[in-house]
Amino acid sequence: MKYFMHKKYLNKYIALFIIIVFLNSCNYLNKIIGQKPDLFDGKYNVTCISKGIPVAIADIDVNDGIVSGFIINTNSQYFDIKGKVNSDGVIDFLTLKVSSGEKVLAEGMIDSQGITKGNYTVGDRRGEYIGFRYSEFSDITSIYDGLYSITLNRDGVDIATQEVVVKNGYFECSVKTNYKESYNIDGMVLNNGKIIIYTEIGDKSTGIVAIGSISDENIVRGSYYTHKGDKGDFKGYLVNKILR
């Protein structure tokens, strides 16, 4: 009888031991896994910089840890972006070829704040990139909506003045400068005032990259770079609020 009682209690202890080991194993696995790759999911606005000059801006999507995107730079080169993000935020990019036939190698990561940065090479040219996540539509705001007057300046000379309408956080316009340059621009404004700008870079004579923001006082400031690396500034102000 004692034997059976001891055996009964022994089986209970064995079962309890197995449960404890299982629970500890789960905790251990969670520690190993850390952050899930899908925690980095979202849409990222990325600026590529070469020799201190921004040469391309693009959107990159991360979905279930899979990275995809498309870039056209100010040299009219274009290429797809593909890769994946691991649980530590490290991006494993695939080796790709640009339209010119050159190979593109890249490495980088995404931190817990949604900031992504890294390095890349195109042929024998090196550069770095930096970007940020704006995955939610709520990040695009209408609080800066209105009619703005924007002036482009280069080498201390105003080369263009353009009216831009921001509506529901989005805008688009065509800018022509005194240098006979033409830029088709569209973009959006985030709730922190940062302006995300895109341009059609189908012709290397019209390539431009621009970075800017709108202050709480509705003052616009930023800078831009042409395909030749010429740097300029732009500034502006709110003319009228859009009435709803």
Foldseek 3Di string as FASTA:
>chain_A
DVVVVVVVVVVVVVVVVVVVVVVVVVVVVCVVQAAQLQLLFFKKWKFKDFPNFTFWIWIWGAHNQWIWTKIQTLVRKIDIWTFGAGRQFWTDTDWTAIPVRWIKDWTWGAHNQQKIKTKMDTHNTIIIMIIGGDGDLLQFACPLFAKKWKWKDFPRRTFWIDIWGQGRFKTWDWTAGNVRAIWTKIWGATPVFWIDMDTDNNDSSRGKDKTWGADPQRKIWIKMAHSVRGIIIMIIGGDGHDDD
